Amino acid sequence: ITEPVAGPLFADRAEDGETETGTIYVLRSKSDHPVVAEHREVMHKIGVTSGAVESRISGAEKSPTYLLAGVDVVATYKVYGVNCQKLEALIHKVFAAAQINLSIPDRFGHIVKPREWFLVPLGVINEAVERIRDRSILTYSYEPEAGVLRESRER
């Protein structure tokens, strides 16, 4: 074996034989909820979809997942040759400490708690994506107090 690197989990383009399996997307809510308004610049929904992002967010204003409001797509990253559900679980695990605890009533008055919203600056999300690409993300977690990804001491 002359090349110990197995290759990226995803890249800006497919390598020979790879097919696009999805997209990581980062959204910002247009909600007028006081918590959202206060944290709008750092409050992001981070998800992975195997379909088109536009299809995924259509009707956002009617869905508690999107805080019953329209959303802006602030970043997307194409994914090649990975399981989208596992990748999303990994991203959510990295940012678990910054998951926002927000309860809102849905269209029928039932209280829901959207789970994929995090208080994380876009620059840190971009860094996480780069660490996913080079496979170093497995040793990192997000520290909300410092606003940084930090390498874990335990491996």
C-alpha atoms as a PDB file:
ATOM      1  CA  ILE A   1       0.000   0.000   0.000  1.00  0.00           C
ATOM      2  CA  THR A   2       1.600   3.210  -1.122  1.00  0.00           C
ATOM      3  CA  GLU A   3      -1.317   5.529  -0.397  1.00  0.00           C
ATOM      4  CA  PRO A   4      -2.709   5.105   3.139  1.00  0.00           C
ATOM      5  CA  VAL A   5      -5.464   7.692   2.649  1.00  0.00           C
ATOM      6  CA  ALA A   6      -8.833   6.160   1.761  1.00  0.00           C
ATOM      7  CA  GLY A   7     -10.022   9.349   0.108  1.00  0.00           C
ATOM      8  CA  PRO A   8     -12.471  12.029   1.159  1.00  0.00           C
ATOM      9  CA  LEU A   9     -15.955  11.339   2.468  1.00  0.00           C
ATOM     10  CA  PHE A  10     -17.090  13.953   0.011  1.00  0.00           C
ATOM     11  CA  ALA A  11     -15.571  16.540  -2.240  1.00  0.00           C
ATOM     12  CA  ASP A  12     -16.515  19.377  -4.536  1.00  0.00           C
ATOM     13  CA  ARG A  13     -16.826  16.878  -7.398  1.00  0.00           C
ATOM     14  CA  ALA A  14     -17.128  13.143  -7.928  1.00  0.00           C
ATOM     15  CA  GLU A  15     -14.089  10.979  -8.471  1.00  0.00           C
ATOM     16  CA  ASP A  16     -14.159   8.171 -11.038  1.00  0.00           C
ATOM     17  CA  GLY A  17     -17.039   5.819 -10.350  1.00  0.00           C
ATOM     18  CA  GLU A  18     -18.517   7.848  -7.488  1.00  0.00           C
ATOM     19  CA  THR A  19     -22.075   9.044  -7.586  1.00  0.00           C
ATOM     20  CA  GLU A  20     -23.612  11.974  -5.789  1.00  0.00           C
ATOM     21  CA  THR A  21     -25.545  10.680  -2.790  1.00  0.00           C
ATOM     22  CA  GLY A  22     -26.819  13.953  -1.340  1.00  0.00           C
ATOM     23  CA  THR A  23     -26.191  17.405   0.037  1.00  0.00           C
ATOM     24  CA  ILE A  24     -25.353  18.831   3.436  1.00  0.00           C
ATOM     25  CA  TYR A  25     -27.390  22.001   3.824  1.00  0.00           C
ATOM     26  CA  VAL A  26     -27.244  24.873   6.306  1.00  0.00           C
ATOM     27  CA  LEU A  27     -30.348  27.011   6.748  1.00  0.00           C
ATOM     28  CA  ARG A  28     -31.176  30.243   8.541  1.00  0.00           C
ATOM     29  CA  SER A  29     -34.734  30.863   9.708  1.00  0.00           C
ATOM     30  CA  LYS A  30     -36.799  33.905   8.802  1.00  0.00           C
ATOM     31  CA  SER A  31     -38.988  33.324  11.883  1.00  0.00           C
ATOM     32  CA  ASP A  32     -39.970  36.286  14.024  1.00  0.00           C
ATOM     33  CA  HIS A  33     -39.862  34.122  17.182  1.00  0.00           C
ATOM     34  CA  PRO A  34     -37.938  36.136  19.839  1.00  0.00           C
ATOM     35  CA  VAL A  35     -35.271  33.433  20.361  1.00  0.00           C
ATOM     36  CA  VAL A  36     -34.681  33.154  16.617  1.00  0.00           C
ATOM     37  CA  ALA A  37     -34.550  36.917  16.156  1.00  0.00           C
ATOM     38  CA  GLU A  38     -32.027  37.261  18.993  1.00  0.00           C
ATOM     39  CA  HIS A  39     -29.698  34.554  17.640  1.00  0.00           C
ATOM     40  CA  ARG A  40     -30.438  34.718  13.902  1.00  0.00           C
ATOM     41  CA  GLU A  41     -26.798  35.049  12.753  1.00  0.00           C
ATOM     42  CA  VAL A  42     -25.621  31.940  14.626  1.00  0.00           C
ATOM     43  CA  MET A  43     -28.782  29.820  14.673  1.00  0.00           C
ATOM     44  CA  HIS A  44     -28.623  27.254  11.866  1.00  0.00           C
ATOM     45  CA  LYS A  45     -30.461  24.138  10.824  1.00  0.00           C
ATOM     46  CA  ILE A  46     -27.939  21.582   9.643  1.00  0.00           C
ATOM     47  CA  GLY A  47     -29.194  18.623   7.669  1.00  0.00           C
ATOM     48  CA  VAL A  48     -28.353  16.167   4.952  1.00  0.00           C
ATOM     49  CA  THR A  49     -30.716  15.209   2.145  1.00  0.00           C
ATOM     50  CA  SER A  50     -30.441  12.704  -0.659  1.00  0.00           C
ATOM     51  CA  GLY A  51     -32.789  14.842  -2.777  1.00  0.00           C
ATOM     52  CA  ALA A  52     -32.833  18.441  -3.871  1.00  0.00           C
ATOM     53  CA  VAL A  53     -32.513  21.013  -1.086  1.00  0.00           C
ATOM     54  CA  GLU A  54     -35.201  23.132  -2.767  1.00  0.00           C
ATOM     55  CA  SER A  55     -37.650  20.206  -2.536  1.00  0.00           C
ATOM     56  CA  ARG A  56     -36.678  19.551   1.069  1.00  0.00           C
ATOM     57  CA  ILE A  57     -37.437  23.115   2.170  1.00  0.00           C
ATOM     58  CA  SER A  58     -40.564  23.703   0.087  1.00  0.00           C
ATOM     59  CA  GLY A  59     -43.457  24.557   2.371  1.00  0.00           C
ATOM     60  CA  ALA A  60     -41.085  25.435   5.222  1.00  0.00           C
ATOM     61  CA  GLU A  61     -43.506  28.030   6.562  1.00  0.00           C
ATOM     62  CA  LYS A  62     -46.008  25.230   7.309  1.00  0.00           C
ATOM     63  CA  SER A  63     -43.556  22.858   8.976  1.00  0.00           C
ATOM     64  CA  PRO A  64     -42.438  22.945  12.621  1.00  0.00           C
ATOM     65  CA  THR A  65     -39.138  21.429  11.468  1.00  0.00           C
ATOM     66  CA  TYR A  66     -38.446  24.834   9.896  1.00  0.00           C
ATOM     67  CA  LEU A  67     -39.973  26.790  12.796  1.00  0.00           C
ATOM     68  CA  LEU A  68     -43.111  27.533  10.740  1.00  0.00           C
ATOM     69  CA  ALA A  69     -41.218  30.127   8.731  1.00  0.00           C
ATOM     70  CA  GLY A  70     -39.363  30.529   5.494  1.00  0.00           C
ATOM     71  CA  VAL A  71     -35.651  29.791   5.453  1.00  0.00           C
ATOM     72  CA  ASP A  72     -32.562  31.008   3.645  1.00  0.00           C
ATOM     73  CA  VAL A  73     -30.060  28.458   2.364  1.00  0.00           C
ATOM     74  CA  VAL A  74     -26.713  29.795   3.598  1.00  0.00           C
ATOM     75  CA  ALA A  75     -24.464  26.892   2.559  1.00  0.00           C
ATOM     76  CA  THR A  76     -24.579  23.576   0.710  1.00  0.00           C
ATOM     77  CA  TYR A  77     -21.971  20.861   0.239  1.00  0.00           C
ATOM     78  CA  LYS A  78     -22.374  17.960  -2.209  1.00  0.00           C
ATOM     79  CA  VAL A  79     -21.876  14.479  -0.770  1.00  0.00           C
ATOM     80  CA  TYR A  80     -20.445  11.549  -2.752  1.00  0.00           C
ATOM     81  CA  GLY A  81     -20.487   7.877  -1.827  1.00  0.00           C
ATOM     82  CA  VAL A  82     -21.708   8.190   1.786  1.00  0.00           C
ATOM     83  CA  ASN A  83     -24.778   7.230   3.776  1.00  0.00           C
ATOM     84  CA  CYS A  84     -26.626  10.527   4.250  1.00  0.00           C
ATOM     85  CA  GLN A  85     -28.357   9.461   7.480  1.00  0.00           C
ATOM     86  CA  LYS A  86     -25.088   8.425   9.114  1.00  0.00           C
ATOM     87  CA  LEU A  87     -23.379  11.617   7.982  1.00  0.00           C
ATOM     88  CA  GLU A  88     -26.201  13.722   9.418  1.00  0.00           C
ATOM     89  CA  ALA A  89     -26.023  11.811  12.718  1.00  0.00           C
ATOM     90  CA  LEU A  90     -22.261  12.489  12.859  1.00  0.00           C
ATOM     91  CA  ILE A  91     -22.710  16.219  12.237  1.00  0.00           C
ATOM     92  CA  HIS A  92     -25.435  16.442  14.868  1.00  0.00           C
ATOM     93  CA  LYS A  93     -23.239  14.578  17.356  1.00  0.00           C
ATOM     94  CA  VAL A  94     -20.371  17.033  16.791  1.00  0.00           C
ATOM     95  CA  PHE A  95     -22.663  19.992  17.483  1.00  0.00           C
ATOM     96  CA  ALA A  96     -24.835  18.335  20.169  1.00  0.00           C
ATOM     97  CA  ALA A  97     -23.673  20.741  22.883  1.00  0.00           C
ATOM     98  CA  ALA A  98     -25.035  23.652  20.833  1.00  0.00           C
ATOM     99  CA  GLN A  99     -28.414  22.148  19.973  1.00  0.00           C
ATOM    100  CA  ILE A 100     -31.065  24.727  20.719  1.00  0.00           C
ATOM    101  CA  ASN A 101     -33.845  23.735  23.090  1.00  0.00           C
ATOM    102  CA  LEU A 102     -36.827  25.486  21.563  1.00  0.00           C
ATOM    103  CA  SER A 103     -40.513  24.571  21.809  1.00  0.00           C
ATOM    104  CA  ILE A 104     -43.038  26.031  19.390  1.00  0.00           C
ATOM    105  CA  PRO A 105     -46.686  25.315  18.679  1.00  0.00           C
ATOM    106  CA  ASP A 106     -47.392  23.680  15.334  1.00  0.00           C
ATOM    107  CA  ARG A 107     -50.297  24.726  13.078  1.00  0.00           C
ATOM    108  CA  PHE A 108     -52.685  22.739  15.269  1.00  0.00           C
ATOM    109  CA  GLY A 109     -51.448  24.112  18.588  1.00  0.00           C
ATOM    110  CA  HIS A 110     -49.415  21.028  19.541  1.00  0.00           C
ATOM    111  CA  ILE A 111     -46.038  21.825  21.090  1.00  0.00           C
ATOM    112  CA  VAL A 112     -43.085  20.533  19.054  1.00  0.00           C
ATOM    113  CA  LYS A 113     -39.330  20.653  19.645  1.00  0.00           C
ATOM    114  CA  PRO A 114     -37.380  20.932  16.398  1.00  0.00           C
ATOM    115  CA  ARG A 115     -34.102  19.042  16.864  1.00  0.00           C
ATOM    116  CA  GLU A 116     -31.822  20.057  13.998  1.00  0.00           C
ATOM    117  CA  TRP A 117     -31.209  23.692  14.998  1.00  0.00           C
ATOM    118  CA  PHE A 118     -27.872  24.660  16.514  1.00  0.00           C
ATOM    119  CA  LEU A 119     -26.263  27.852  17.816  1.00  0.00           C
ATOM    120  CA  VAL A 120     -23.072  27.640  15.758  1.00  0.00           C
ATOM    121  CA  PRO A 121     -21.400  30.312  13.608  1.00  0.00           C
ATOM    122  CA  LEU A 122     -21.268  29.506   9.894  1.00  0.00           C
ATOM    123  CA  GLY A 123     -17.458  29.625   9.941  1.00  0.00           C
ATOM    124  CA  VAL A 124     -17.356  26.797  12.477  1.00  0.00           C
ATOM    125  CA  ILE A 125     -19.780  24.754  10.347  1.00  0.00           C
ATOM    126  CA  ASN A 126     -17.444  25.292   7.375  1.00  0.00           C
ATOM    127  CA  GLU A 127     -14.523  24.096   9.511  1.00  0.00           C
ATOM    128  CA  ALA A 128     -16.491  20.992  10.499  1.00  0.00           C
ATOM    129  CA  VAL A 129     -17.145  20.238   6.827  1.00  0.00           C
ATOM    130  CA  GLU A 130     -13.411  20.523   6.100  1.00  0.00           C
ATOM    131  CA  ARG A 131     -12.690  18.162   9.012  1.00  0.00           C
ATOM    132  CA  ILE A 132     -15.237  15.717   7.614  1.00  0.00           C
ATOM    133  CA  ARG A 133     -13.433  15.888   4.280  1.00  0.00           C
ATOM    134  CA  ASP A 134     -10.048  15.095   5.836  1.00  0.00           C
ATOM    135  CA  ARG A 135     -11.605  12.610   8.306  1.00  0.00           C
ATOM    136  CA  SER A 136     -10.275  14.413  11.377  1.00  0.00           C
ATOM    137  CA  ILE A 137     -13.802  15.285  12.588  1.00  0.00           C
ATOM    138  CA  LEU A 138     -14.030  12.044  14.574  1.00  0.00           C
ATOM    139  CA  THR A 139     -11.690  13.493  17.204  1.00  0.00           C
ATOM    140  CA  TYR A 140     -13.419  16.897  17.468  1.00  0.00           C
ATOM    141  CA  SER A 141     -16.406  18.317  19.294  1.00  0.00           C
ATOM    142  CA  TYR A 142     -17.915  21.772  19.485  1.00  0.00           C
ATOM    143  CA  GLU A 143     -17.436  23.927  22.586  1.00  0.00           C
ATOM    144  CA  PRO A 144     -20.278  26.466  22.620  1.00  0.00           C
ATOM    145  CA  GLU A 145     -18.763  28.649  25.353  1.00  0.00           C
ATOM    146  CA  ALA A 146     -15.622  29.210  23.296  1.00  0.00           C
ATOM    147  CA  GLY A 147     -17.367  29.001  19.902  1.00  0.00           C
ATOM    148  CA  VAL A 148     -14.757  26.598  18.514  1.00  0.00           C
ATOM    149  CA  LEU A 149     -14.237  23.019  17.451  1.00  0.00           C
ATOM    150  CA  ARG A 150     -11.732  21.446  19.788  1.00  0.00           C
ATOM    151  CA  GLU A 151      -9.914  18.157  19.541  1.00  0.00           C
ATOM    152  CA  SER A 152     -11.064  15.746  22.201  1.00  0.00           C
ATOM    153  CA  ARG A 153      -8.499  14.527  24.689  1.00  0.00           C
ATOM    154  CA  GLU A 154     -10.064  11.065  24.695  1.00  0.00           C
ATOM    155  CA  ARG A 155      -9.863   8.934  21.580  1.00  0.00           C
END
